[in-house]
Amino acid sequence: MHNRRKIGIYKQISVSERWTNFDCFYEDMHNSYCEHVAKFGERDTTIDRIDNNEGYSKENCRWATMEVQGNNRSNNRFLSFNGETLSLSQWSRKLGITRQALYSRIETNGWPLERALSPSKNPKTKLETLIKDVRSGKFGSKNKVELLQRLEEFIIS
């Protein structure tokens, strides 16, 4: 059984009757919360509804990073290219350009996906992107191999 509550101004979101008691919510979600925090940290742990058309319940909720949650929005635009489907934001991060620049390439300038989603051939742009990624902490200790591979690719190209 779910209680319907208006969360924000747009939707009536249901919350399972069980979760109206915090002890039940704690019982259902605490262990997975601790596991997620151990892996991603407290600042990057948010509760996320797997299916945004469904309400908050044990079956429909998980702990997710801000990036995962951001890519689970109902208004996201997904683009498929070379067998890979990513959101506009994910493509922009992969390419090292802003989301707005990528959107402009596609919508304002009418570039075909092949052109809009192809990595820059400009070595200065590639190096700037790599430096930005390192400074942002993208390459934590678990990603050192990826960093070294990208550096080798840059040196070779």
C-alpha atoms as a PDB file:
ATOM      1  CA  MET A   1       0.000   0.000   0.000  1.00  0.00           C
ATOM      2  CA  HIS A   2       1.307   3.448  -0.901  1.00  0.00           C
ATOM      3  CA  ASN A   3       0.508   6.914   0.403  1.00  0.00           C
ATOM      4  CA  ARG A   4       0.453   9.555  -2.310  1.00  0.00           C
ATOM      5  CA  ARG A   5       2.205  12.788  -1.461  1.00  0.00           C
ATOM      6  CA  LYS A   6       2.929  15.765  -3.614  1.00  0.00           C
ATOM      7  CA  ILE A   7       6.699  16.151  -3.754  1.00  0.00           C
ATOM      8  CA  GLY A   8       7.696  19.311  -5.544  1.00  0.00           C
ATOM      9  CA  ILE A   9       5.108  20.915  -7.797  1.00  0.00           C
ATOM     10  CA  TYR A  10       4.959  18.425 -10.651  1.00  0.00           C
ATOM     11  CA  LYS A  11       3.969  14.933  -9.545  1.00  0.00           C
ATOM     12  CA  GLN A  12       2.085  13.003  -6.967  1.00  0.00           C
ATOM     13  CA  ILE A  13       4.763  10.590  -5.717  1.00  0.00           C
ATOM     14  CA  SER A  14       3.778   7.592  -3.656  1.00  0.00           C
ATOM     15  CA  VAL A  15       5.636   6.424  -0.562  1.00  0.00           C
ATOM     16  CA  SER A  16       5.113   2.876   0.634  1.00  0.00           C
ATOM     17  CA  GLU A  17       3.033   2.620   3.767  1.00  0.00           C
ATOM     18  CA  ARG A  18       5.905   0.648   5.334  1.00  0.00           C
ATOM     19  CA  TRP A  19       8.265   3.591   4.891  1.00  0.00           C
ATOM     20  CA  THR A  20       6.060   5.975   6.829  1.00  0.00           C
ATOM     21  CA  ASN A  21       7.749   4.321   9.815  1.00  0.00           C
ATOM     22  CA  PHE A  22      11.429   5.336   9.805  1.00  0.00           C
ATOM     23  CA  ASP A  23      12.489   2.099  11.527  1.00  0.00           C
ATOM     24  CA  CYS A  24      11.130   0.135   8.557  1.00  0.00           C
ATOM     25  CA  PHE A  25      12.910   2.408   6.064  1.00  0.00           C
ATOM     26  CA  TYR A  26      16.118   1.967   8.084  1.00  0.00           C
ATOM     27  CA  GLU A  27      15.692  -1.810   8.120  1.00  0.00           C
ATOM     28  CA  ASP A  28      15.164  -1.907   4.350  1.00  0.00           C
ATOM     29  CA  MET A  29      17.866   0.532   3.255  1.00  0.00           C
ATOM     30  CA  HIS A  30      20.589   0.955   5.888  1.00  0.00           C
ATOM     31  CA  ASN A  31      22.896  -1.892   4.834  1.00  0.00           C
ATOM     32  CA  SER A  32      22.855  -0.902   1.180  1.00  0.00           C
ATOM     33  CA  TYR A  33      23.404   2.728   2.233  1.00  0.00           C
ATOM     34  CA  CYS A  34      26.530   1.761   4.194  1.00  0.00           C
ATOM     35  CA  GLU A  35      27.872  -0.240   1.239  1.00  0.00           C
ATOM     36  CA  HIS A  36      27.298   2.651  -1.159  1.00  0.00           C
ATOM     37  CA  VAL A  37      28.882   5.194   1.180  1.00  0.00           C
ATOM     38  CA  ALA A  38      31.932   2.946   1.609  1.00  0.00           C
ATOM     39  CA  LYS A  39      32.387   2.855  -2.165  1.00  0.00           C
ATOM     40  CA  PHE A  40      31.373   6.396  -3.215  1.00  0.00           C
ATOM     41  CA  GLY A  41      31.385   8.499  -0.046  1.00  0.00           C
ATOM     42  CA  GLU A  42      28.548  10.142   1.796  1.00  0.00           C
ATOM     43  CA  ARG A  43      28.500  13.241  -0.417  1.00  0.00           C
ATOM     44  CA  ASP A  44      27.910  11.120  -3.528  1.00  0.00           C
ATOM     45  CA  THR A  45      25.181   8.886  -2.103  1.00  0.00           C
ATOM     46  CA  THR A  46      21.578   9.782  -2.843  1.00  0.00           C
ATOM     47  CA  ILE A  47      18.375   7.793  -2.837  1.00  0.00           C
ATOM     48  CA  ASP A  48      17.126   7.145  -6.347  1.00  0.00           C
ATOM     49  CA  ARG A  49      13.913   5.703  -7.736  1.00  0.00           C
ATOM     50  CA  ILE A  50      14.778   3.079 -10.346  1.00  0.00           C
ATOM     51  CA  ASP A  51      11.535   3.722 -12.253  1.00  0.00           C
ATOM     52  CA  ASN A  52      10.571   7.388 -12.019  1.00  0.00           C
ATOM     53  CA  ASN A  53       6.951   6.531 -12.735  1.00  0.00           C
ATOM     54  CA  GLU A  54       6.785   4.491  -9.540  1.00  0.00           C
ATOM     55  CA  GLY A  55       6.971   5.662  -5.945  1.00  0.00           C
ATOM     56  CA  TYR A  56       9.397   5.245  -3.085  1.00  0.00           C
ATOM     57  CA  SER A  57       9.575   1.625  -1.890  1.00  0.00           C
ATOM     58  CA  LYS A  58      12.189  -1.010  -1.180  1.00  0.00           C
ATOM     59  CA  GLU A  59      11.550  -2.586  -4.582  1.00  0.00           C
ATOM     60  CA  ASN A  60      11.943   0.673  -6.504  1.00  0.00           C
ATOM     61  CA  CYS A  61      14.720   2.480  -4.618  1.00  0.00           C
ATOM     62  CA  ARG A  62      18.488   2.228  -4.559  1.00  0.00           C
ATOM     63  CA  TRP A  63      21.419   4.333  -3.466  1.00  0.00           C
ATOM     64  CA  ALA A  64      23.072   6.040  -6.423  1.00  0.00           C
ATOM     65  CA  THR A  65      25.751   8.575  -7.227  1.00  0.00           C
ATOM     66  CA  MET A  66      24.723  12.028  -8.373  1.00  0.00           C
ATOM     67  CA  GLU A  67      25.768  11.091 -11.914  1.00  0.00           C
ATOM     68  CA  VAL A  68      23.653   7.914 -11.954  1.00  0.00           C
ATOM     69  CA  GLN A  69      20.697   9.795 -10.521  1.00  0.00           C
ATOM     70  CA  GLY A  70      21.143  12.605 -13.036  1.00  0.00           C
ATOM     71  CA  ASN A  71      21.075  10.101 -15.881  1.00  0.00           C
ATOM     72  CA  ASN A  72      17.876   8.556 -14.501  1.00  0.00           C
ATOM     73  CA  ARG A  73      15.774  11.658 -15.118  1.00  0.00           C
ATOM     74  CA  SER A  74      12.679  11.328 -17.267  1.00  0.00           C
ATOM     75  CA  ASN A  75      13.648  14.369 -19.367  1.00  0.00           C
ATOM     76  CA  ASN A  76      17.083  13.083 -20.380  1.00  0.00           C
ATOM     77  CA  ARG A  77      17.964  12.862 -24.026  1.00  0.00           C
ATOM     78  CA  PHE A  78      19.866   9.728 -25.014  1.00  0.00           C
ATOM     79  CA  LEU A  79      21.964   9.461 -28.151  1.00  0.00           C
ATOM     80  CA  SER A  80      23.169   6.239 -29.769  1.00  0.00           C
ATOM     81  CA  PHE A  81      26.380   6.246 -31.778  1.00  0.00           C
ATOM     82  CA  ASN A  82      28.777   3.424 -32.698  1.00  0.00           C
ATOM     83  CA  GLY A  83      26.815   0.924 -30.589  1.00  0.00           C
ATOM     84  CA  GLU A  84      26.935   3.091 -27.458  1.00  0.00           C
ATOM     85  CA  THR A  85      23.917   4.834 -25.937  1.00  0.00           C
ATOM     86  CA  LEU A  86      24.617   7.644 -23.468  1.00  0.00           C
ATOM     87  CA  SER A  87      22.806  10.695 -22.203  1.00  0.00           C
ATOM     88  CA  LEU A  88      23.750  14.087 -23.588  1.00  0.00           C
ATOM     89  CA  SER A  89      25.620  14.810 -20.342  1.00  0.00           C
ATOM     90  CA  GLN A  90      27.516  11.518 -20.495  1.00  0.00           C
ATOM     91  CA  TRP A  91      28.547  12.171 -24.106  1.00  0.00           C
ATOM     92  CA  SER A  92      29.719  15.667 -23.182  1.00  0.00           C
ATOM     93  CA  ARG A  93      31.894  14.301 -20.357  1.00  0.00           C
ATOM     94  CA  LYS A  94      33.285  11.615 -22.640  1.00  0.00           C
ATOM     95  CA  LEU A  95      34.141  14.176 -25.304  1.00  0.00           C
ATOM     96  CA  GLY A  96      35.456  16.775 -22.867  1.00  0.00           C
ATOM     97  CA  ILE A  97      33.056  19.504 -23.960  1.00  0.00           C
ATOM     98  CA  THR A  98      30.186  21.182 -22.167  1.00  0.00           C
ATOM     99  CA  ARG A  99      26.675  19.788 -22.407  1.00  0.00           C
ATOM    100  CA  GLN A 100      25.568  23.121 -23.871  1.00  0.00           C
ATOM    101  CA  ALA A 101      28.219  22.947 -26.598  1.00  0.00           C
ATOM    102  CA  LEU A 102      27.152  19.438 -27.569  1.00  0.00           C
ATOM    103  CA  TYR A 103      23.474  20.419 -27.555  1.00  0.00           C
ATOM    104  CA  SER A 104      24.307  23.410 -29.741  1.00  0.00           C
ATOM    105  CA  ARG A 105      26.229  21.232 -32.196  1.00  0.00           C
ATOM    106  CA  ILE A 106      23.202  18.987 -32.648  1.00  0.00           C
ATOM    107  CA  GLU A 107      20.192  21.297 -32.255  1.00  0.00           C
ATOM    108  CA  THR A 108      21.397  24.760 -33.248  1.00  0.00           C
ATOM    109  CA  ASN A 109      24.018  23.882 -35.850  1.00  0.00           C
ATOM    110  CA  GLY A 110      22.330  20.698 -37.114  1.00  0.00           C
ATOM    111  CA  TRP A 111      25.498  18.600 -37.072  1.00  0.00           C
ATOM    112  CA  PRO A 112      25.007  14.899 -37.806  1.00  0.00           C
ATOM    113  CA  LEU A 113      25.701  12.654 -34.785  1.00  0.00           C
ATOM    114  CA  GLU A 114      28.891  11.297 -36.353  1.00  0.00           C
ATOM    115  CA  ARG A 115      30.389  14.787 -36.449  1.00  0.00           C
ATOM    116  CA  ALA A 116      28.918  15.991 -33.135  1.00  0.00           C
ATOM    117  CA  LEU A 117      30.041  12.910 -31.173  1.00  0.00           C
ATOM    118  CA  SER A 118      33.471  12.420 -32.689  1.00  0.00           C
ATOM    119  CA  PRO A 119      36.351  13.223 -30.351  1.00  0.00           C
ATOM    120  CA  SER A 120      38.379  16.292 -31.124  1.00  0.00           C
ATOM    121  CA  LYS A 121      41.464  15.734 -33.246  1.00  0.00           C
ATOM    122  CA  ASN A 122      43.054  18.876 -31.815  1.00  0.00           C
ATOM    123  CA  PRO A 123      45.944  17.803 -29.510  1.00  0.00           C
ATOM    124  CA  LYS A 124      45.627  20.987 -27.427  1.00  0.00           C
ATOM    125  CA  THR A 125      41.932  20.243 -26.757  1.00  0.00           C
ATOM    126  CA  LYS A 126      42.748  16.617 -25.876  1.00  0.00           C
ATOM    127  CA  LEU A 127      45.467  17.708 -23.438  1.00  0.00           C
ATOM    128  CA  GLU A 128      43.236  20.380 -21.870  1.00  0.00           C
ATOM    129  CA  THR A 129      40.514  17.771 -21.360  1.00  0.00           C
ATOM    130  CA  LEU A 130      42.967  15.355 -19.781  1.00  0.00           C
ATOM    131  CA  ILE A 131      44.309  18.023 -17.409  1.00  0.00           C
ATOM    132  CA  LYS A 132      40.726  18.999 -16.467  1.00  0.00           C
ATOM    133  CA  ASP A 133      39.902  15.343 -15.750  1.00  0.00           C
ATOM    134  CA  VAL A 134      42.988  14.902 -13.547  1.00  0.00           C
ATOM    135  CA  ARG A 135      42.285  18.118 -11.617  1.00  0.00           C
ATOM    136  CA  SER A 136      38.645  17.150 -11.027  1.00  0.00           C
ATOM    137  CA  GLY A 137      39.753  13.898  -9.403  1.00  0.00           C
ATOM    138  CA  LYS A 138      38.308  11.721 -12.150  1.00  0.00           C
ATOM    139  CA  PHE A 139      41.387   9.539 -11.968  1.00  0.00           C
ATOM    140  CA  GLY A 140      41.385   8.366  -8.381  1.00  0.00           C
ATOM    141  CA  SER A 141      43.679   5.547  -7.382  1.00  0.00           C
ATOM    142  CA  LYS A 142      41.382   2.964  -8.967  1.00  0.00           C
ATOM    143  CA  ASN A 143      41.575   4.746 -12.346  1.00  0.00           C
ATOM    144  CA  LYS A 144      45.344   5.165 -12.684  1.00  0.00           C
ATOM    145  CA  VAL A 145      45.468   2.585 -15.480  1.00  0.00           C
ATOM    146  CA  GLU A 146      42.933   4.588 -17.510  1.00  0.00           C
ATOM    147  CA  LEU A 147      44.920   7.773 -16.921  1.00  0.00           C
ATOM    148  CA  LEU A 148      48.143   6.123 -18.104  1.00  0.00           C
ATOM    149  CA  GLN A 149      46.387   4.727 -21.189  1.00  0.00           C
ATOM    150  CA  ARG A 150      45.022   8.173 -22.070  1.00  0.00           C
ATOM    151  CA  LEU A 151      48.449   9.745 -21.597  1.00  0.00           C
ATOM    152  CA  GLU A 152      49.975   7.111 -23.885  1.00  0.00           C
ATOM    153  CA  GLU A 153      47.256   7.760 -26.483  1.00  0.00           C
ATOM    154  CA  PHE A 154      48.000  11.477 -26.317  1.00  0.00           C
ATOM    155  CA  ILE A 155      51.737  10.975 -26.732  1.00  0.00           C
ATOM    156  CA  ILE A 156      51.214   8.590 -29.674  1.00  0.00           C
ATOM    157  CA  SER A 157      48.719  10.822 -31.503  1.00  0.00           C
END
